[in-house]
Amino acid sequence: MIVGLISVNTKINTDRFRVPDKPRAGKIGKKIMLLLLGGLALGLSGRPDRYFKILGGITKEWKSLDNDGLHESIKRLYQSKIIAYTDNSDGTIALVLTEKGKRLALRYNLDHMKISKPDHWDGMWRVVIFDIPEKYRQGRGELGGKLIQLGFKPIQKSVFIFPYECKNEIEFIIEVFNLRPYVRQLLVKGIDIDIELRRYFRLK
């Protein structure tokens, strides 16, 4: 934890921080990836690129999906190498996410991320700073874009600020974008634009 006073330049160009469009997997495709990522198994009678039936005994989360749409989405995800399968001893198979699928599912998970706001602000500022090499500029843009989506305010070229506890959320984002060595989090008590920030975040 670092507590101190920092000075900032608030006129920042945020055009370089953009979260790029993700490959379109469709609503059911996204649900399949997120369920598999969450550890909810799905068994099939045969390979996804051939005729197959979905085995019984599935959870309510899988049952909530349209059966025809589920079949078609499984085939598309397999063709796109987002999912694969493992053989069970009884001749059936189990769907699994590939590494590509895991990365994509984690990014879809980010779409639902929100930072909860407490009833009372603790008076501390959460600052995220990063110095990311040019060869990782895509990850840099994705990180900055996601921070802006979550409500952070950019106050310098690669410095973002937020008033509420968000350490776990930022740790997750850093892991998803594989930027651990280049990102730091600070907890700051004093800042020279405190009044402006309080007004921006509507703090009392």
N, C-alpha and C. Protein backbone atom coordinates (compact mmCIF):
# COMPACT_ATOMS: atom_id res chain seq x y z
N MET A 1 0.85 -1.19 0.00
CA MET A 1 0.00 0.00 0.00
C MET A 1 0.88 1.23 0.00
N ILE A 2 0.55 2.20 -0.86
CA ILE A 2 1.30 3.44 -0.93
C ILE A 2 0.33 4.59 -0.67
N VAL A 3 0.64 5.41 0.30
CA VAL A 3 -0.21 6.54 0.64
C VAL A 3 0.60 7.80 0.47
N GLY A 4 0.06 8.78 -0.26
CA GLY A 4 0.81 10.00 -0.46
C GLY A 4 0.04 11.01 -1.26
N LEU A 5 0.76 11.96 -1.82
CA LEU A 5 0.16 13.02 -2.62
C LEU A 5 0.69 12.93 -4.03
N ILE A 6 -0.20 12.93 -5.03
CA ILE A 6 0.25 12.91 -6.41
C ILE A 6 -0.38 14.06 -7.17
N SER A 7 0.34 14.52 -8.18
CA SER A 7 -0.13 15.61 -9.02
C SER A 7 -0.40 15.05 -10.40
N VAL A 8 -1.44 15.56 -11.09
CA VAL A 8 -1.85 14.94 -12.34
C VAL A 8 -2.16 15.96 -13.42
N ASN A 9 -2.18 15.45 -14.64
CA ASN A 9 -2.66 16.20 -15.80
C ASN A 9 -3.95 15.53 -16.24
N THR A 10 -5.07 16.24 -16.20
CA THR A 10 -6.37 15.60 -16.44
C THR A 10 -6.80 15.61 -17.90
N LYS A 11 -6.05 16.25 -18.80
CA LYS A 11 -6.41 16.28 -20.21
C LYS A 11 -5.72 15.12 -20.92
N ILE A 12 -6.41 13.99 -20.99
CA ILE A 12 -5.82 12.77 -21.52
C ILE A 12 -6.59 12.32 -22.75
N ASN A 13 -5.85 11.93 -23.79
CA ASN A 13 -6.46 11.37 -24.99
C ASN A 13 -6.67 9.88 -24.77
N THR A 14 -7.92 9.44 -24.76
CA THR A 14 -8.23 8.03 -24.48
C THR A 14 -8.49 7.22 -25.74
N ASP A 15 -8.23 7.80 -26.92
CA ASP A 15 -8.53 7.10 -28.17
C ASP A 15 -7.74 5.79 -28.31
N ARG A 16 -6.54 5.74 -27.71
CA ARG A 16 -5.73 4.53 -27.86
C ARG A 16 -6.21 3.40 -26.97
N PHE A 17 -7.12 3.70 -26.04
CA PHE A 17 -7.64 2.66 -25.16
C PHE A 17 -8.98 2.19 -25.69
N ARG A 18 -8.97 1.10 -26.40
CA ARG A 18 -10.18 0.54 -26.97
C ARG A 18 -10.18 -0.96 -26.76
N VAL A 19 -11.31 -1.48 -26.28
CA VAL A 19 -11.44 -2.93 -26.17
C VAL A 19 -11.89 -3.45 -27.53
N PRO A 20 -11.04 -4.23 -28.23
CA PRO A 20 -11.40 -4.69 -29.57
C PRO A 20 -12.57 -5.65 -29.55
N ASP A 21 -13.27 -5.71 -30.67
CA ASP A 21 -14.38 -6.64 -30.78
C ASP A 21 -13.88 -8.07 -30.64
N LYS A 22 -14.64 -8.88 -29.89
CA LYS A 22 -14.29 -10.29 -29.73
C LYS A 22 -14.97 -11.09 -30.83
N PRO A 23 -14.40 -12.24 -31.18
CA PRO A 23 -15.07 -13.09 -32.18
C PRO A 23 -16.49 -13.38 -31.74
N ARG A 24 -17.42 -13.33 -32.67
CA ARG A 24 -18.81 -13.55 -32.32
C ARG A 24 -19.10 -15.04 -32.16
N ALA A 25 -19.57 -15.40 -30.98
CA ALA A 25 -19.88 -16.79 -30.72
C ALA A 25 -21.38 -17.01 -30.59
N GLY A 26 -22.15 -15.94 -30.59
CA GLY A 26 -23.58 -16.07 -30.41
C GLY A 26 -23.93 -16.22 -28.93
N LYS A 27 -25.18 -15.96 -28.61
CA LYS A 27 -25.61 -16.00 -27.22
C LYS A 27 -25.43 -17.38 -26.60
N ILE A 28 -25.83 -18.42 -27.34
CA ILE A 28 -25.71 -19.78 -26.81
C ILE A 28 -24.25 -20.20 -26.74
N GLY A 29 -23.47 -19.81 -27.75
CA GLY A 29 -22.05 -20.13 -27.75
C GLY A 29 -21.33 -19.55 -26.54
N LYS A 30 -21.65 -18.29 -26.22
CA LYS A 30 -21.06 -17.65 -25.03
C LYS A 30 -21.45 -18.42 -23.77
N LYS A 31 -22.73 -18.81 -23.71
CA LYS A 31 -23.21 -19.53 -22.52
C LYS A 31 -22.48 -20.86 -22.37
N ILE A 32 -22.27 -21.56 -23.48
CA ILE A 32 -21.54 -22.83 -23.43
C ILE A 32 -20.14 -22.63 -22.86
N MET A 33 -19.44 -21.62 -23.37
CA MET A 33 -18.07 -21.36 -22.90
C MET A 33 -18.04 -21.02 -21.42
N LEU A 34 -18.97 -20.18 -20.98
CA LEU A 34 -18.97 -19.76 -19.58
C LEU A 34 -19.35 -20.90 -18.65
N LEU A 35 -20.26 -21.78 -19.09
CA LEU A 35 -20.62 -22.93 -18.26
C LEU A 35 -19.45 -23.90 -18.15
N LEU A 36 -18.76 -24.15 -19.26
CA LEU A 36 -17.59 -25.03 -19.21
C LEU A 36 -16.48 -24.41 -18.37
N LEU A 37 -16.30 -23.10 -18.50
CA LEU A 37 -15.29 -22.41 -17.69
C LEU A 37 -15.62 -22.53 -16.21
N GLY A 38 -16.91 -22.52 -15.88
CA GLY A 38 -17.34 -22.63 -14.50
C GLY A 38 -17.35 -24.04 -13.96
N GLY A 39 -16.93 -25.01 -14.77
CA GLY A 39 -16.83 -26.38 -14.30
C GLY A 39 -18.08 -27.22 -14.47
N LEU A 40 -19.08 -26.73 -15.20
CA LEU A 40 -20.30 -27.49 -15.43
C LEU A 40 -20.12 -28.38 -16.66
N ALA A 41 -19.97 -29.66 -16.44
CA ALA A 41 -19.65 -30.60 -17.51
C ALA A 41 -20.85 -30.86 -18.41
N LEU A 42 -20.54 -31.21 -19.66
CA LEU A 42 -21.57 -31.61 -20.62
C LEU A 42 -21.06 -32.83 -21.37
N GLY A 43 -21.83 -33.93 -21.31
CA GLY A 43 -21.43 -35.16 -21.97
C GLY A 43 -22.20 -35.38 -23.26
N LEU A 44 -21.52 -35.95 -24.25
CA LEU A 44 -22.13 -36.26 -25.54
C LEU A 44 -21.96 -37.74 -25.85
N SER A 45 -22.84 -38.22 -26.72
CA SER A 45 -22.76 -39.63 -27.11
C SER A 45 -21.68 -39.87 -28.17
N GLY A 46 -21.25 -38.81 -28.84
CA GLY A 46 -20.24 -38.96 -29.89
C GLY A 46 -19.51 -37.66 -30.14
N ARG A 47 -18.61 -37.66 -31.11
CA ARG A 47 -17.79 -36.49 -31.41
C ARG A 47 -18.64 -35.31 -31.87
N PRO A 48 -18.19 -34.08 -31.55
CA PRO A 48 -18.98 -32.89 -31.92
C PRO A 48 -19.08 -32.65 -33.42
N ASP A 49 -18.16 -33.23 -34.22
CA ASP A 49 -18.20 -33.02 -35.66
C ASP A 49 -18.99 -34.11 -36.38
N ARG A 50 -19.61 -34.99 -35.61
CA ARG A 50 -20.44 -36.05 -36.18
C ARG A 50 -21.80 -36.03 -35.50
N TYR A 51 -22.61 -37.03 -35.79
CA TYR A 51 -23.92 -37.10 -35.13
C TYR A 51 -23.70 -37.39 -33.64
N PHE A 52 -24.39 -36.67 -32.80
CA PHE A 52 -24.27 -36.91 -31.36
C PHE A 52 -25.57 -36.54 -30.66
N LYS A 53 -25.73 -37.12 -29.50
CA LYS A 53 -26.83 -36.76 -28.61
C LYS A 53 -26.24 -36.21 -27.32
N ILE A 54 -26.97 -35.29 -26.72
CA ILE A 54 -26.56 -34.77 -25.42
C ILE A 54 -27.06 -35.72 -24.35
N LEU A 55 -26.16 -36.16 -23.49
CA LEU A 55 -26.50 -37.17 -22.50
C LEU A 55 -27.42 -36.62 -21.42
N GLY A 56 -28.19 -37.50 -20.82
CA GLY A 56 -29.11 -37.10 -19.76
C GLY A 56 -28.36 -36.76 -18.48
N GLY A 57 -29.11 -36.29 -17.51
CA GLY A 57 -28.51 -35.95 -16.22
C GLY A 57 -27.81 -34.61 -16.20
N ILE A 58 -28.10 -33.74 -17.18
CA ILE A 58 -27.43 -32.44 -17.22
C ILE A 58 -28.08 -31.49 -16.23
N THR A 59 -27.35 -30.46 -15.85
CA THR A 59 -27.84 -29.50 -14.86
C THR A 59 -28.86 -28.55 -15.48
N LYS A 60 -29.55 -27.82 -14.62
CA LYS A 60 -30.59 -26.89 -15.08
C LYS A 60 -30.01 -25.80 -15.97
N GLU A 61 -28.72 -25.45 -15.76
CA GLU A 61 -28.11 -24.42 -16.60
C GLU A 61 -28.05 -24.85 -18.05
N TRP A 62 -27.71 -26.12 -18.28
CA TRP A 62 -27.68 -26.64 -19.65
C TRP A 62 -29.10 -26.81 -20.19
N LYS A 63 -30.02 -27.25 -19.35
CA LYS A 63 -31.40 -27.48 -19.78
C LYS A 63 -32.08 -26.18 -20.22
N SER A 64 -31.59 -25.05 -19.71
CA SER A 64 -32.21 -23.77 -20.05
C SER A 64 -31.92 -23.34 -21.49
N LEU A 65 -30.97 -24.01 -22.15
CA LEU A 65 -30.60 -23.65 -23.52
C LEU A 65 -31.44 -24.41 -24.53
N ASP A 66 -31.81 -23.74 -25.60
CA ASP A 66 -32.56 -24.37 -26.68
C ASP A 66 -31.78 -25.56 -27.24
N ASN A 67 -32.41 -26.72 -27.35
CA ASN A 67 -31.72 -27.94 -27.72
C ASN A 67 -31.10 -27.87 -29.12
N ASP A 68 -31.88 -27.40 -30.10
CA ASP A 68 -31.35 -27.30 -31.47
C ASP A 68 -30.21 -26.29 -31.53
N GLY A 69 -30.41 -25.16 -30.86
CA GLY A 69 -29.36 -24.14 -30.84
C GLY A 69 -28.11 -24.63 -30.15
N LEU A 70 -28.28 -25.45 -29.11
CA LEU A 70 -27.15 -26.01 -28.39
C LEU A 70 -26.33 -26.93 -29.30
N HIS A 71 -27.02 -27.78 -30.06
CA HIS A 71 -26.32 -28.68 -30.99
C HIS A 71 -25.51 -27.90 -32.02
N GLU A 72 -26.15 -26.90 -32.63
CA GLU A 72 -25.47 -26.12 -33.67
C GLU A 72 -24.29 -25.34 -33.10
N SER A 73 -24.46 -24.79 -31.91
CA SER A 73 -23.38 -24.01 -31.30
C SER A 73 -22.19 -24.89 -30.94
N ILE A 74 -22.46 -26.10 -30.46
CA ILE A 74 -21.38 -27.03 -30.14
C ILE A 74 -20.57 -27.34 -31.40
N LYS A 75 -21.26 -27.59 -32.50
CA LYS A 75 -20.56 -27.88 -33.76
C LYS A 75 -19.70 -26.71 -34.20
N ARG A 76 -20.24 -25.49 -34.12
CA ARG A 76 -19.49 -24.30 -34.55
C ARG A 76 -18.28 -24.05 -33.65
N LEU A 77 -18.47 -24.20 -32.35
CA LEU A 77 -17.36 -23.98 -31.42
C LEU A 77 -16.26 -25.01 -31.63
N TYR A 78 -16.64 -26.24 -31.94
CA TYR A 78 -15.65 -27.28 -32.20
C TYR A 78 -14.89 -26.98 -33.49
N GLN A 79 -15.60 -26.57 -34.52
CA GLN A 79 -14.96 -26.23 -35.79
C GLN A 79 -14.01 -25.05 -35.64
N SER A 80 -14.34 -24.13 -34.73
CA SER A 80 -13.50 -22.95 -34.48
C SER A 80 -12.37 -23.24 -33.50
N LYS A 81 -12.29 -24.48 -33.03
CA LYS A 81 -11.25 -24.91 -32.08
C LYS A 81 -11.33 -24.15 -30.76
N ILE A 82 -12.55 -23.81 -30.38
CA ILE A 82 -12.80 -23.18 -29.09
C ILE A 82 -13.09 -24.23 -28.03
N ILE A 83 -13.71 -25.34 -28.46
CA ILE A 83 -13.92 -26.47 -27.56
C ILE A 83 -13.30 -27.72 -28.19
N ALA A 84 -12.99 -28.68 -27.33
CA ALA A 84 -12.49 -29.98 -27.76
C ALA A 84 -13.23 -31.03 -26.93
N TYR A 85 -12.74 -32.25 -26.92
CA TYR A 85 -13.41 -33.28 -26.13
C TYR A 85 -12.40 -34.27 -25.57
N THR A 86 -12.81 -34.92 -24.52
CA THR A 86 -12.02 -36.02 -23.95
C THR A 86 -12.88 -37.27 -23.94
N ASP A 87 -12.26 -38.42 -24.10
CA ASP A 87 -12.99 -39.69 -24.13
C ASP A 87 -13.20 -40.22 -22.72
N ASN A 88 -14.43 -40.63 -22.45
CA ASN A 88 -14.74 -41.28 -21.18
C ASN A 88 -14.59 -42.79 -21.33
N SER A 89 -14.43 -43.47 -20.22
CA SER A 89 -14.21 -44.92 -20.25
C SER A 89 -15.41 -45.70 -20.77
N ASP A 90 -16.61 -45.08 -20.71
CA ASP A 90 -17.81 -45.78 -21.17
C ASP A 90 -18.13 -45.53 -22.64
N GLY A 91 -17.21 -44.87 -23.35
CA GLY A 91 -17.41 -44.62 -24.77
C GLY A 91 -18.04 -43.28 -25.08
N THR A 92 -18.51 -42.58 -24.07
CA THR A 92 -19.05 -41.24 -24.29
C THR A 92 -17.90 -40.23 -24.26
N ILE A 93 -18.21 -38.97 -24.52
CA ILE A 93 -17.18 -37.94 -24.48
C ILE A 93 -17.64 -36.78 -23.62
N ALA A 94 -16.69 -35.99 -23.16
CA ALA A 94 -16.98 -34.79 -22.37
C ALA A 94 -16.37 -33.58 -23.07
N LEU A 95 -17.14 -32.52 -23.18
CA LEU A 95 -16.64 -31.30 -23.80
C LEU A 95 -15.70 -30.56 -22.86
N VAL A 96 -14.66 -29.98 -23.42
CA VAL A 96 -13.71 -29.16 -22.65
C VAL A 96 -13.35 -27.93 -23.47
N LEU A 97 -12.95 -26.89 -22.80
CA LEU A 97 -12.47 -25.70 -23.48
C LEU A 97 -11.01 -25.89 -23.89
N THR A 98 -10.67 -25.45 -25.08
CA THR A 98 -9.27 -25.40 -25.48
C THR A 98 -8.64 -24.18 -24.81
N GLU A 99 -7.32 -24.02 -24.94
CA GLU A 99 -6.68 -22.82 -24.39
C GLU A 99 -7.25 -21.57 -25.03
N LYS A 100 -7.50 -21.64 -26.34
CA LYS A 100 -8.13 -20.52 -27.04
C LYS A 100 -9.51 -20.25 -26.45
N GLY A 101 -10.26 -21.31 -26.18
CA GLY A 101 -11.59 -21.17 -25.61
C GLY A 101 -11.57 -20.59 -24.21
N LYS A 102 -10.59 -20.99 -23.41
CA LYS A 102 -10.48 -20.47 -22.05
C LYS A 102 -10.22 -18.97 -22.06
N ARG A 103 -9.30 -18.55 -22.94
CA ARG A 103 -8.99 -17.12 -23.02
C ARG A 103 -10.22 -16.32 -23.46
N LEU A 104 -10.94 -16.86 -24.43
CA LEU A 104 -12.12 -16.17 -24.93
C LEU A 104 -13.22 -16.12 -23.88
N ALA A 105 -13.40 -17.23 -23.15
CA ALA A 105 -14.42 -17.27 -22.10
C ALA A 105 -14.11 -16.28 -20.99
N LEU A 106 -12.84 -16.17 -20.63
CA LEU A 106 -12.44 -15.21 -19.60
C LEU A 106 -12.77 -13.78 -20.04
N ARG A 107 -12.56 -13.51 -21.31
CA ARG A 107 -12.86 -12.17 -21.81
C ARG A 107 -14.36 -11.91 -21.82
N TYR A 108 -15.14 -12.92 -22.15
CA TYR A 108 -16.59 -12.76 -22.06
C TYR A 108 -17.01 -12.54 -20.61
N ASN A 109 -16.30 -13.19 -19.69
CA ASN A 109 -16.59 -13.00 -18.27
C ASN A 109 -16.39 -11.55 -17.86
N LEU A 110 -15.42 -10.89 -18.49
CA LEU A 110 -15.15 -9.49 -18.18
C LEU A 110 -16.35 -8.61 -18.53
N ASP A 111 -17.13 -9.03 -19.52
CA ASP A 111 -18.28 -8.22 -19.93
C ASP A 111 -19.27 -8.02 -18.79
N HIS A 112 -19.29 -8.96 -17.85
CA HIS A 112 -20.26 -8.91 -16.75
C HIS A 112 -19.65 -8.35 -15.46
N MET A 113 -18.39 -7.95 -15.53
CA MET A 113 -17.73 -7.45 -14.33
C MET A 113 -18.25 -6.07 -13.94
N LYS A 114 -18.55 -5.92 -12.67
CA LYS A 114 -18.93 -4.63 -12.11
C LYS A 114 -18.23 -4.46 -10.76
N ILE A 115 -17.93 -3.23 -10.42
CA ILE A 115 -17.31 -2.94 -9.13
C ILE A 115 -18.39 -2.38 -8.21
N SER A 116 -18.61 -3.05 -7.10
CA SER A 116 -19.65 -2.62 -6.17
C SER A 116 -19.25 -1.32 -5.47
N LYS A 117 -20.23 -0.48 -5.23
CA LYS A 117 -19.99 0.79 -4.56
C LYS A 117 -20.55 0.74 -3.14
N PRO A 118 -19.72 0.98 -2.15
CA PRO A 118 -20.19 0.96 -0.76
C PRO A 118 -21.07 2.17 -0.46
N ASP A 119 -21.77 2.10 0.64
CA ASP A 119 -22.63 3.22 1.03
C ASP A 119 -21.82 4.47 1.36
N HIS A 120 -20.62 4.25 1.91
CA HIS A 120 -19.79 5.39 2.30
C HIS A 120 -18.37 5.21 1.74
N TRP A 121 -17.86 6.27 1.14
CA TRP A 121 -16.49 6.26 0.60
C TRP A 121 -15.49 6.36 1.75
N ASP A 122 -14.40 5.61 1.67
CA ASP A 122 -13.41 5.59 2.75
C ASP A 122 -12.36 6.69 2.64
N GLY A 123 -12.48 7.55 1.63
CA GLY A 123 -11.56 8.67 1.49
C GLY A 123 -10.25 8.34 0.80
N MET A 124 -10.09 7.11 0.31
CA MET A 124 -8.86 6.69 -0.35
C MET A 124 -9.10 6.55 -1.85
N TRP A 125 -8.05 6.88 -2.62
CA TRP A 125 -8.12 6.76 -4.08
C TRP A 125 -7.35 5.52 -4.53
N ARG A 126 -7.96 4.73 -5.41
CA ARG A 126 -7.30 3.56 -5.99
C ARG A 126 -6.72 3.96 -7.34
N VAL A 127 -5.43 3.81 -7.48
CA VAL A 127 -4.74 4.24 -8.70
C VAL A 127 -4.10 3.03 -9.38
N VAL A 128 -4.33 2.90 -10.67
CA VAL A 128 -3.71 1.85 -11.48
C VAL A 128 -2.75 2.52 -12.45
N ILE A 129 -1.49 2.12 -12.41
CA ILE A 129 -0.50 2.67 -13.33
C ILE A 129 0.14 1.53 -14.10
N PHE A 130 0.53 1.79 -15.34
CA PHE A 130 1.19 0.74 -16.11
C PHE A 130 2.16 1.32 -17.12
N ASP A 131 3.18 0.54 -17.40
CA ASP A 131 4.19 0.87 -18.41
C ASP A 131 4.40 -0.40 -19.22
N ILE A 132 3.62 -0.53 -20.29
CA ILE A 132 3.55 -1.77 -21.06
C ILE A 132 4.33 -1.62 -22.36
N PRO A 133 5.25 -2.53 -22.66
CA PRO A 133 6.05 -2.44 -23.89
C PRO A 133 5.18 -2.38 -25.14
N GLU A 134 5.71 -1.76 -26.18
CA GLU A 134 4.98 -1.56 -27.42
C GLU A 134 4.55 -2.89 -28.05
N LYS A 135 5.34 -3.94 -27.85
CA LYS A 135 4.98 -5.22 -28.46
C LYS A 135 3.71 -5.81 -27.85
N TYR A 136 3.30 -5.27 -26.69
CA TYR A 136 2.05 -5.70 -26.06
C TYR A 136 0.99 -4.60 -26.14
N ARG A 137 1.04 -3.80 -27.19
CA ARG A 137 0.14 -2.65 -27.29
C ARG A 137 -1.33 -3.05 -27.35
N GLN A 138 -1.63 -4.23 -27.90
CA GLN A 138 -3.03 -4.67 -27.92
C GLN A 138 -3.54 -4.88 -26.50
N GLY A 139 -2.75 -5.56 -25.68
CA GLY A 139 -3.13 -5.76 -24.29
C GLY A 139 -3.22 -4.45 -23.54
N ARG A 140 -2.33 -3.52 -23.86
CA ARG A 140 -2.36 -2.20 -23.23
C ARG A 140 -3.66 -1.48 -23.56
N GLY A 141 -4.06 -1.54 -24.83
CA GLY A 141 -5.31 -0.91 -25.23
C GLY A 141 -6.52 -1.56 -24.58
N GLU A 142 -6.48 -2.90 -24.47
CA GLU A 142 -7.59 -3.62 -23.85
C GLU A 142 -7.70 -3.29 -22.37
N LEU A 143 -6.56 -3.21 -21.69
CA LEU A 143 -6.56 -2.88 -20.27
C LEU A 143 -7.14 -1.49 -20.03
N GLY A 144 -6.63 -0.50 -20.77
CA GLY A 144 -7.13 0.86 -20.61
C GLY A 144 -8.60 0.97 -20.94
N GLY A 145 -9.01 0.28 -22.02
CA GLY A 145 -10.42 0.31 -22.40
C GLY A 145 -11.32 -0.29 -21.34
N LYS A 146 -10.86 -1.38 -20.72
CA LYS A 146 -11.68 -2.02 -19.69
C LYS A 146 -11.76 -1.15 -18.44
N LEU A 147 -10.67 -0.49 -18.07
CA LEU A 147 -10.70 0.39 -16.91
C LEU A 147 -11.70 1.52 -17.12
N ILE A 148 -11.72 2.07 -18.33
CA ILE A 148 -12.68 3.14 -18.63
C ILE A 148 -14.11 2.60 -18.56
N GLN A 149 -14.33 1.39 -19.08
CA GLN A 149 -15.66 0.79 -19.01
C GLN A 149 -16.12 0.61 -17.57
N LEU A 150 -15.19 0.30 -16.68
CA LEU A 150 -15.53 0.07 -15.27
C LEU A 150 -15.73 1.38 -14.50
N GLY A 151 -15.43 2.50 -15.13
CA GLY A 151 -15.67 3.78 -14.48
C GLY A 151 -14.43 4.51 -14.01
N PHE A 152 -13.25 3.96 -14.27
CA PHE A 152 -12.01 4.65 -13.90
C PHE A 152 -11.87 5.93 -14.72
N LYS A 153 -11.20 6.91 -14.12
CA LYS A 153 -10.90 8.16 -14.82
C LYS A 153 -9.41 8.21 -15.13
N PRO A 154 -9.03 8.39 -16.41
CA PRO A 154 -7.61 8.55 -16.73
C PRO A 154 -7.12 9.93 -16.30
N ILE A 155 -6.00 9.97 -15.59
CA ILE A 155 -5.49 11.26 -15.12
C ILE A 155 -4.09 11.56 -15.65
N GLN A 156 -3.43 10.57 -16.22
CA GLN A 156 -2.20 10.76 -16.97
C GLN A 156 -2.16 9.71 -18.07
N LYS A 157 -1.09 9.68 -18.84
CA LYS A 157 -1.03 8.83 -20.02
C LYS A 157 -1.38 7.37 -19.72
N SER A 158 -0.85 6.81 -18.68
CA SER A 158 -1.14 5.42 -18.31
C SER A 158 -1.45 5.32 -16.82
N VAL A 159 -2.23 6.27 -16.34
CA VAL A 159 -2.60 6.32 -14.93
C VAL A 159 -4.11 6.51 -14.83
N PHE A 160 -4.76 5.61 -14.09
CA PHE A 160 -6.22 5.65 -13.94
C PHE A 160 -6.56 5.67 -12.45
N ILE A 161 -7.67 6.32 -12.12
CA ILE A 161 -8.04 6.47 -10.71
C ILE A 161 -9.50 6.12 -10.50
N PHE A 162 -9.79 5.58 -9.30
CA PHE A 162 -11.14 5.15 -8.95
C PHE A 162 -11.27 5.24 -7.42
N PRO A 163 -12.45 5.58 -6.90
CA PRO A 163 -12.55 5.80 -5.45
C PRO A 163 -12.86 4.57 -4.60
N TYR A 164 -13.27 3.46 -5.21
CA TYR A 164 -13.75 2.34 -4.41
C TYR A 164 -12.83 1.12 -4.51
N GLU A 165 -12.93 0.25 -3.52
CA GLU A 165 -12.12 -0.96 -3.46
C GLU A 165 -12.33 -1.79 -4.73
N CYS A 166 -11.23 -2.17 -5.38
CA CYS A 166 -11.33 -2.89 -6.65
C CYS A 166 -10.11 -3.78 -6.89
N LYS A 167 -9.36 -4.09 -5.85
CA LYS A 167 -8.11 -4.84 -6.03
C LYS A 167 -8.34 -6.18 -6.71
N ASN A 168 -9.33 -6.93 -6.26
CA ASN A 168 -9.57 -8.26 -6.83
C ASN A 168 -9.96 -8.17 -8.30
N GLU A 169 -10.78 -7.19 -8.63
CA GLU A 169 -11.20 -7.03 -10.02
C GLU A 169 -10.01 -6.69 -10.92
N ILE A 170 -9.14 -5.80 -10.45
CA ILE A 170 -7.97 -5.43 -11.24
C ILE A 170 -7.01 -6.61 -11.38
N GLU A 171 -6.85 -7.38 -10.32
CA GLU A 171 -5.99 -8.57 -10.39
C GLU A 171 -6.50 -9.53 -11.46
N PHE A 172 -7.81 -9.70 -11.53
CA PHE A 172 -8.40 -10.59 -12.52
C PHE A 172 -8.13 -10.08 -13.93
N ILE A 173 -8.33 -8.79 -14.16
CA ILE A 173 -8.10 -8.19 -15.48
C ILE A 173 -6.65 -8.36 -15.90
N ILE A 174 -5.73 -8.12 -14.97
CA ILE A 174 -4.30 -8.25 -15.27
C ILE A 174 -3.98 -9.67 -15.71
N GLU A 175 -4.57 -10.65 -15.02
CA GLU A 175 -4.31 -12.05 -15.37
C GLU A 175 -4.89 -12.40 -16.74
N VAL A 176 -6.10 -11.92 -17.02
CA VAL A 176 -6.73 -12.21 -18.31
C VAL A 176 -5.89 -11.69 -19.46
N PHE A 177 -5.37 -10.47 -19.32
CA PHE A 177 -4.59 -9.86 -20.39
C PHE A 177 -3.10 -10.19 -20.30
N ASN A 178 -2.72 -10.98 -19.28
CA ASN A 178 -1.34 -11.45 -19.12
C ASN A 178 -0.35 -10.27 -19.05
N LEU A 179 -0.65 -9.32 -18.17
CA LEU A 179 0.17 -8.11 -18.06
C LEU A 179 0.76 -7.92 -16.67
N ARG A 180 0.88 -8.98 -15.92
CA ARG A 180 1.31 -8.91 -14.53
C ARG A 180 2.58 -8.08 -14.30
N PRO A 181 3.65 -8.23 -15.10
CA PRO A 181 4.90 -7.51 -14.79
C PRO A 181 4.82 -6.00 -15.00
N TYR A 182 3.76 -5.52 -15.67
CA TYR A 182 3.77 -4.13 -16.12
C TYR A 182 2.73 -3.24 -15.44
N VAL A 183 1.99 -3.79 -14.49
CA VAL A 183 0.89 -3.03 -13.88
C VAL A 183 1.08 -2.96 -12.37
N ARG A 184 0.83 -1.78 -11.81
CA ARG A 184 0.92 -1.58 -10.36
C ARG A 184 -0.36 -0.92 -9.86
N GLN A 185 -0.72 -1.25 -8.62
CA GLN A 185 -1.87 -0.63 -7.97
C GLN A 185 -1.40 0.17 -6.76
N LEU A 186 -1.93 1.37 -6.62
CA LEU A 186 -1.58 2.24 -5.50
C LEU A 186 -2.83 2.61 -4.73
N LEU A 187 -2.65 2.81 -3.44
CA LEU A 187 -3.72 3.32 -2.58
C LEU A 187 -3.26 4.69 -2.09
N VAL A 188 -3.97 5.73 -2.52
CA VAL A 188 -3.50 7.10 -2.33
C VAL A 188 -4.48 7.89 -1.47
N LYS A 189 -3.93 8.64 -0.52
CA LYS A 189 -4.77 9.44 0.37
C LYS A 189 -4.96 10.86 -0.12
N GLY A 190 -3.89 11.47 -0.64
CA GLY A 190 -3.97 12.86 -1.06
C GLY A 190 -3.68 13.03 -2.53
N ILE A 191 -4.40 13.95 -3.17
CA ILE A 191 -4.18 14.24 -4.59
C ILE A 191 -4.57 15.69 -4.84
N ASP A 192 -3.85 16.36 -5.74
CA ASP A 192 -4.04 17.80 -5.89
C ASP A 192 -5.31 18.19 -6.64
N ILE A 193 -6.01 17.23 -7.22
CA ILE A 193 -7.29 17.53 -7.87
C ILE A 193 -8.43 16.82 -7.13
N ASP A 194 -8.31 16.75 -5.83
CA ASP A 194 -9.29 16.05 -5.01
C ASP A 194 -10.70 16.58 -5.23
N ILE A 195 -10.84 17.89 -5.26
CA ILE A 195 -12.17 18.49 -5.42
C ILE A 195 -12.76 18.12 -6.78
N GLU A 196 -11.93 18.20 -7.83
CA GLU A 196 -12.40 17.86 -9.17
C GLU A 196 -12.83 16.39 -9.25
N LEU A 197 -12.05 15.51 -8.63
CA LEU A 197 -12.37 14.09 -8.66
C LEU A 197 -13.63 13.78 -7.86
N ARG A 198 -13.77 14.42 -6.73
CA ARG A 198 -14.99 14.22 -5.93
C ARG A 198 -16.22 14.62 -6.74
N ARG A 199 -16.09 15.71 -7.48
CA ARG A 199 -17.20 16.16 -8.31
C ARG A 199 -17.46 15.16 -9.45
N TYR A 200 -16.38 14.67 -10.05
CA TYR A 200 -16.51 13.73 -11.17
C TYR A 200 -17.19 12.44 -10.73
N PHE A 201 -16.79 11.91 -9.57
CA PHE A 201 -17.35 10.65 -9.07
C PHE A 201 -18.57 10.86 -8.17
N ARG A 202 -18.99 12.11 -8.03
CA ARG A 202 -20.17 12.46 -7.23
C ARG A 202 -20.03 11.96 -5.79
N LEU A 203 -18.91 12.31 -5.21
CA LEU A 203 -18.63 11.92 -3.83
C LEU A 203 -18.93 13.09 -2.90
N LYS A 204 -19.36 12.78 -1.71
CA LYS A 204 -19.63 13.82 -0.72
C LYS A 204 -18.39 14.09 0.11
